[in-house]
Amino acid sequence: MAQESVETVSVDLHNGENGNGNKVVVTGVTKSVSFFGLKPQVFVEAPKASDAVQFYKTVFGAEELKRDIHPKRKADHELPLILSAELKLGSSVFIVSDSSDESSTALVKSGGYSFCLETNDVETAVANAVKAGGAVVEAEIADGENTCCGKKVKDPYGVIWSICSGSKVVADVVA
């Protein structure tokens, strides 16, 4: 159940200002929010999202749940741009999109993310990824405390996938 409280929060940005010379003050009722899911979104260079979706379906066994095509781009392009293709991989869902504007193109080039896939057959998963155009980027992922062992593969669309044998179960987790 959401809790409500009244509070005033003064946030100082850039030496007490919001960049426009104004102090930022947030006042009002705040409610706690519970999230029920997280869907990472992968942007690939347009118009390669359709190929990326097929790669993830073929190599990782992803199931395509739905696909939304950019409505204004259908007539302009031989291949319509994908706004979002929602894929299910195991119990997780992620989104693949064509980068269709400057902001998403910057995301494609920025990197700094990867996905960890857990499987009981790391070698076959890596071999399938390489066969479909991926490349092993590191020989092994170290097997140490709170880590999993496996290999990292970069797919043809620039996404790094850590393919692991599964996380170790930690009995007492200290928060």
C-alpha atoms as a PDB file:
ATOM      1  CA  MET A   1       0.000   0.000   0.000  1.00  0.00           C
ATOM      2  CA  ALA A   2       1.335   3.431  -0.914  1.00  0.00           C
ATOM      3  CA  GLN A   3       2.335   5.702   1.907  1.00  0.00           C
ATOM      4  CA  GLU A   4       1.741   9.427   1.681  1.00  0.00           C
ATOM      5  CA  SER A   5       3.759  12.104   3.389  1.00  0.00           C
ATOM      6  CA  VAL A   6       4.133  15.830   2.990  1.00  0.00           C
ATOM      7  CA  GLU A   7       7.638  17.104   2.691  1.00  0.00           C
ATOM      8  CA  THR A   8       9.626  19.980   1.291  1.00  0.00           C
ATOM      9  CA  VAL A   9      12.900  19.148  -0.345  1.00  0.00           C
ATOM     10  CA  SER A  10      15.408  21.746  -1.446  1.00  0.00           C
ATOM     11  CA  VAL A  11      17.744  20.477  -4.120  1.00  0.00           C
ATOM     12  CA  ASP A  12      20.861  22.471  -4.897  1.00  0.00           C
ATOM     13  CA  LEU A  13      22.180  21.879  -8.399  1.00  0.00           C
ATOM     14  CA  HIS A  14      25.185  23.699  -9.846  1.00  0.00           C
ATOM     15  CA  ASN A  15      26.010  25.617  -6.654  1.00  0.00           C
ATOM     16  CA  GLY A  16      22.406  26.125  -5.584  1.00  0.00           C
ATOM     17  CA  GLU A  17      20.909  26.713  -8.996  1.00  0.00           C
ATOM     18  CA  ASN A  18      19.236  24.624 -11.680  1.00  0.00           C
ATOM     19  CA  GLY A  19      21.442  25.975 -14.454  1.00  0.00           C
ATOM     20  CA  ASN A  20      19.066  28.837 -15.209  1.00  0.00           C
ATOM     21  CA  GLY A  21      19.892  30.796 -12.067  1.00  0.00           C
ATOM     22  CA  ASN A  22      16.853  29.460 -10.186  1.00  0.00           C
ATOM     23  CA  LYS A  23      16.974  27.465  -6.962  1.00  0.00           C
ATOM     24  CA  VAL A  24      15.114  24.166  -7.245  1.00  0.00           C
ATOM     25  CA  VAL A  25      12.559  23.480  -4.500  1.00  0.00           C
ATOM     26  CA  VAL A  26      10.242  20.460  -4.585  1.00  0.00           C
ATOM     27  CA  THR A  27       7.195  20.687  -2.330  1.00  0.00           C
ATOM     28  CA  GLY A  28       4.134  18.496  -2.037  1.00  0.00           C
ATOM     29  CA  VAL A  29       2.788  15.061  -1.361  1.00  0.00           C
ATOM     30  CA  THR A  30       5.075  12.170  -2.156  1.00  0.00           C
ATOM     31  CA  LYS A  31       3.944   8.596  -2.527  1.00  0.00           C
ATOM     32  CA  SER A  32       6.113   5.551  -2.345  1.00  0.00           C
ATOM     33  CA  VAL A  33       6.102   3.648  -5.597  1.00  0.00           C
ATOM     34  CA  SER A  34       6.518  -0.061  -6.177  1.00  0.00           C
ATOM     35  CA  PHE A  35       7.872  -1.211  -9.514  1.00  0.00           C
ATOM     36  CA  PHE A  36       6.766  -4.525 -10.939  1.00  0.00           C
ATOM     37  CA  GLY A  37       9.292  -4.904 -13.733  1.00  0.00           C
ATOM     38  CA  LEU A  38      12.354  -3.664 -15.535  1.00  0.00           C
ATOM     39  CA  LYS A  39      12.739  -3.942 -19.300  1.00  0.00           C
ATOM     40  CA  PRO A  40      16.175  -3.034 -20.607  1.00  0.00           C
ATOM     41  CA  GLN A  41      16.079  -1.494 -24.078  1.00  0.00           C
ATOM     42  CA  VAL A  42      18.753  -2.172 -26.682  1.00  0.00           C
ATOM     43  CA  PHE A  43      19.148   0.383 -29.472  1.00  0.00           C
ATOM     44  CA  VAL A  44      20.823  -0.832 -32.651  1.00  0.00           C
ATOM     45  CA  GLU A  45      21.838   1.106 -35.731  1.00  0.00           C
ATOM     46  CA  ALA A  46      18.782   1.548 -37.977  1.00  0.00           C
ATOM     47  CA  PRO A  47      17.490  -0.453 -39.774  1.00  0.00           C
ATOM     48  CA  LYS A  48      19.152  -3.473 -38.121  1.00  0.00           C
ATOM     49  CA  ALA A  49      16.718  -4.111 -35.241  1.00  0.00           C
ATOM     50  CA  SER A  50      14.844  -6.734 -37.257  1.00  0.00           C
ATOM     51  CA  ASP A  51      18.129  -8.592 -37.850  1.00  0.00           C
ATOM     52  CA  ALA A  52      19.022  -8.247 -34.164  1.00  0.00           C
ATOM     53  CA  VAL A  53      15.647  -9.685 -33.136  1.00  0.00           C
ATOM     54  CA  GLN A  54      16.193 -12.650 -35.447  1.00  0.00           C
ATOM     55  CA  PHE A  55      19.713 -13.121 -34.009  1.00  0.00           C
ATOM     56  CA  TYR A  56      18.372 -13.185 -30.428  1.00  0.00           C
ATOM     57  CA  LYS A  57      15.600 -15.596 -31.400  1.00  0.00           C
ATOM     58  CA  THR A  58      17.936 -17.946 -33.281  1.00  0.00           C
ATOM     59  CA  VAL A  59      20.946 -17.868 -30.968  1.00  0.00           C
ATOM     60  CA  PHE A  60      19.398 -17.413 -27.517  1.00  0.00           C
ATOM     61  CA  GLY A  61      15.930 -18.874 -28.103  1.00  0.00           C
ATOM     62  CA  ALA A  62      14.198 -15.585 -27.354  1.00  0.00           C
ATOM     63  CA  GLU A  63      10.454 -15.439 -27.897  1.00  0.00           C
ATOM     64  CA  GLU A  64       9.080 -12.335 -29.617  1.00  0.00           C
ATOM     65  CA  LEU A  65       6.092 -11.083 -27.626  1.00  0.00           C
ATOM     66  CA  LYS A  66       5.159  -8.035 -29.701  1.00  0.00           C
ATOM     67  CA  ARG A  67       6.530  -5.586 -32.250  1.00  0.00           C
ATOM     68  CA  ASP A  68       5.675  -1.935 -32.891  1.00  0.00           C
ATOM     69  CA  ILE A  69       6.721  -0.373 -36.198  1.00  0.00           C
ATOM     70  CA  HIS A  70       7.409   3.363 -36.578  1.00  0.00           C
ATOM     71  CA  PRO A  71       4.162   4.647 -38.194  1.00  0.00           C
ATOM     72  CA  LYS A  72       5.730   7.487 -40.181  1.00  0.00           C
ATOM     73  CA  ARG A  73       8.617   5.402 -41.506  1.00  0.00           C
ATOM     74  CA  LYS A  74       6.720   2.575 -43.218  1.00  0.00           C
ATOM     75  CA  ALA A  75       6.413   4.391 -46.543  1.00  0.00           C
ATOM     76  CA  ASP A  76       9.834   6.046 -46.343  1.00  0.00           C
ATOM     77  CA  HIS A  77      11.956   2.921 -46.006  1.00  0.00           C
ATOM     78  CA  GLU A  78      12.265  -0.420 -47.691  1.00  0.00           C
ATOM     79  CA  LEU A  79      12.484  -1.929 -44.199  1.00  0.00           C
ATOM     80  CA  PRO A  80      10.193  -0.276 -41.657  1.00  0.00           C
ATOM     81  CA  LEU A  81      11.944   0.901 -38.506  1.00  0.00           C
ATOM     82  CA  ILE A  82      11.140  -0.921 -35.286  1.00  0.00           C
ATOM     83  CA  LEU A  83      10.043   1.317 -32.410  1.00  0.00           C
ATOM     84  CA  SER A  84      10.148  -1.679 -30.087  1.00  0.00           C
ATOM     85  CA  ALA A  85      10.285  -5.428 -30.327  1.00  0.00           C
ATOM     86  CA  GLU A  86       9.634  -7.015 -26.963  1.00  0.00           C
ATOM     87  CA  LEU A  87      11.523 -10.270 -26.442  1.00  0.00           C
ATOM     88  CA  LYS A  88      11.260 -12.819 -23.660  1.00  0.00           C
ATOM     89  CA  LEU A  89      14.423 -14.661 -22.691  1.00  0.00           C
ATOM     90  CA  GLY A  90      13.874 -17.123 -19.867  1.00  0.00           C
ATOM     91  CA  SER A  91      11.782 -15.223 -17.345  1.00  0.00           C
ATOM     92  CA  SER A  92      13.153 -11.814 -18.426  1.00  0.00           C
ATOM     93  CA  VAL A  93      11.879  -9.381 -21.031  1.00  0.00           C
ATOM     94  CA  PHE A  94      13.906  -6.823 -22.973  1.00  0.00           C
ATOM     95  CA  ILE A  95      13.220  -4.443 -25.844  1.00  0.00           C
ATOM     96  CA  VAL A  96      15.091  -4.038 -29.133  1.00  0.00           C
ATOM     97  CA  SER A  97      14.677  -0.833 -31.154  1.00  0.00           C
ATOM     98  CA  ASP A  98      16.092   0.809 -34.237  1.00  0.00           C
ATOM     99  CA  SER A  99      17.908   4.039 -33.429  1.00  0.00           C
ATOM    100  CA  SER A 100      15.813   6.518 -35.357  1.00  0.00           C
ATOM    101  CA  ASP A 101      16.875   9.873 -33.951  1.00  0.00           C
ATOM    102  CA  GLU A 102      19.969  11.593 -32.606  1.00  0.00           C
ATOM    103  CA  SER A 103      19.326  10.709 -28.954  1.00  0.00           C
ATOM    104  CA  SER A 104      19.029   6.967 -29.552  1.00  0.00           C
ATOM    105  CA  THR A 105      21.982   7.046 -31.977  1.00  0.00           C
ATOM    106  CA  ALA A 106      24.085   8.463 -29.134  1.00  0.00           C
ATOM    107  CA  LEU A 107      22.945   5.530 -26.981  1.00  0.00           C
ATOM    108  CA  VAL A 108      24.075   3.042 -29.632  1.00  0.00           C
ATOM    109  CA  LYS A 109      27.560   4.549 -29.622  1.00  0.00           C
ATOM    110  CA  SER A 110      27.847   5.047 -25.856  1.00  0.00           C
ATOM    111  CA  GLY A 111      28.152   1.387 -24.807  1.00  0.00           C
ATOM    112  CA  GLY A 112      28.708   0.803 -21.124  1.00  0.00           C
ATOM    113  CA  TYR A 113      26.196  -1.988 -20.710  1.00  0.00           C
ATOM    114  CA  SER A 114      26.016  -5.729 -21.049  1.00  0.00           C
ATOM    115  CA  PHE A 115      23.618  -8.537 -20.310  1.00  0.00           C
ATOM    116  CA  CYS A 116      24.309 -11.693 -18.345  1.00  0.00           C
ATOM    117  CA  LEU A 117      22.628 -14.849 -19.606  1.00  0.00           C
ATOM    118  CA  GLU A 118      22.572 -17.879 -17.359  1.00  0.00           C
ATOM    119  CA  THR A 119      22.554 -21.342 -18.912  1.00  0.00           C
ATOM    120  CA  ASN A 120      23.585 -24.883 -18.139  1.00  0.00           C
ATOM    121  CA  ASP A 121      25.437 -25.129 -21.485  1.00  0.00           C
ATOM    122  CA  VAL A 122      27.820 -22.180 -21.830  1.00  0.00           C
ATOM    123  CA  GLU A 123      29.937 -23.730 -24.597  1.00  0.00           C
ATOM    124  CA  THR A 124      26.982 -24.436 -26.908  1.00  0.00           C
ATOM    125  CA  ALA A 125      25.496 -20.972 -26.290  1.00  0.00           C
ATOM    126  CA  VAL A 126      28.828 -19.313 -27.136  1.00  0.00           C
ATOM    127  CA  ALA A 127      29.296 -21.531 -30.212  1.00  0.00           C
ATOM    128  CA  ASN A 128      25.794 -20.643 -31.453  1.00  0.00           C
ATOM    129  CA  ALA A 129      26.466 -16.924 -30.972  1.00  0.00           C
ATOM    130  CA  VAL A 130      29.791 -17.096 -32.831  1.00  0.00           C
ATOM    131  CA  LYS A 131      28.259 -19.171 -35.640  1.00  0.00           C
ATOM    132  CA  ALA A 132      25.563 -16.493 -36.082  1.00  0.00           C
ATOM    133  CA  GLY A 133      28.090 -13.632 -36.328  1.00  0.00           C
ATOM    134  CA  GLY A 134      29.037 -12.868 -32.732  1.00  0.00           C
ATOM    135  CA  ALA A 135      32.620 -12.726 -31.482  1.00  0.00           C
ATOM    136  CA  VAL A 136      34.174 -13.852 -28.203  1.00  0.00           C
ATOM    137  CA  VAL A 137      35.623 -10.714 -26.590  1.00  0.00           C
ATOM    138  CA  GLU A 138      37.259 -12.314 -23.562  1.00  0.00           C
ATOM    139  CA  ALA A 139      38.347 -15.916 -23.137  1.00  0.00           C
ATOM    140  CA  GLU A 140      36.862 -16.551 -19.695  1.00  0.00           C
ATOM    141  CA  ILE A 141      34.889 -14.760 -17.015  1.00  0.00           C
ATOM    142  CA  ALA A 142      36.680 -15.330 -13.726  1.00  0.00           C
ATOM    143  CA  ASP A 143      35.019 -17.709 -11.311  1.00  0.00           C
ATOM    144  CA  GLY A 144      35.315 -15.982  -7.962  1.00  0.00           C
ATOM    145  CA  GLU A 145      33.286 -14.951  -4.971  1.00  0.00           C
ATOM    146  CA  ASN A 146      29.845 -13.676  -6.032  1.00  0.00           C
ATOM    147  CA  THR A 147      30.619 -14.158  -9.726  1.00  0.00           C
ATOM    148  CA  CYS A 148      29.707 -16.721 -12.322  1.00  0.00           C
ATOM    149  CA  CYS A 149      31.935 -18.392 -14.834  1.00  0.00           C
ATOM    150  CA  GLY A 150      31.490 -18.271 -18.583  1.00  0.00           C
ATOM    151  CA  LYS A 151      32.449 -16.220 -21.632  1.00  0.00           C
ATOM    152  CA  LYS A 152      31.649 -12.810 -23.083  1.00  0.00           C
ATOM    153  CA  VAL A 153      30.334 -12.508 -26.623  1.00  0.00           C
ATOM    154  CA  LYS A 154      29.788  -9.315 -28.617  1.00  0.00           C
ATOM    155  CA  ASP A 155      26.851  -9.701 -30.975  1.00  0.00           C
ATOM    156  CA  PRO A 156      26.856  -8.205 -34.510  1.00  0.00           C
ATOM    157  CA  TYR A 157      24.949  -5.191 -33.149  1.00  0.00           C
ATOM    158  CA  GLY A 158      27.512  -4.208 -30.505  1.00  0.00           C
ATOM    159  CA  VAL A 159      25.832  -5.655 -27.398  1.00  0.00           C
ATOM    160  CA  ILE A 160      28.035  -7.581 -24.956  1.00  0.00           C
ATOM    161  CA  TRP A 161      26.504 -10.783 -23.578  1.00  0.00           C
ATOM    162  CA  SER A 162      28.116 -12.537 -20.596  1.00  0.00           C
ATOM    163  CA  ILE A 163      27.096 -16.147 -21.005  1.00  0.00           C
ATOM    164  CA  CYS A 164      27.426 -17.794 -17.611  1.00  0.00           C
ATOM    165  CA  SER A 165      26.710 -21.069 -15.885  1.00  0.00           C
ATOM    166  CA  GLY A 166      24.635 -19.353 -13.224  1.00  0.00           C
ATOM    167  CA  SER A 167      25.107 -17.265 -10.135  1.00  0.00           C
ATOM    168  CA  LYS A 168      26.231 -18.895  -6.940  1.00  0.00           C
ATOM    169  CA  VAL A 169      23.657 -18.956  -4.190  1.00  0.00           C
ATOM    170  CA  VAL A 170      24.737 -16.882  -1.215  1.00  0.00           C
ATOM    171  CA  ALA A 171      23.137 -18.029   2.043  1.00  0.00           C
ATOM    172  CA  ASP A 172      23.503 -14.846   4.075  1.00  0.00           C
ATOM    173  CA  VAL A 173      23.279 -11.667   2.048  1.00  0.00           C
ATOM    174  CA  VAL A 174      24.157  -8.524   3.958  1.00  0.00           C
ATOM    175  CA  ALA A 175      22.239  -5.500   2.720  1.00  0.00           C
END
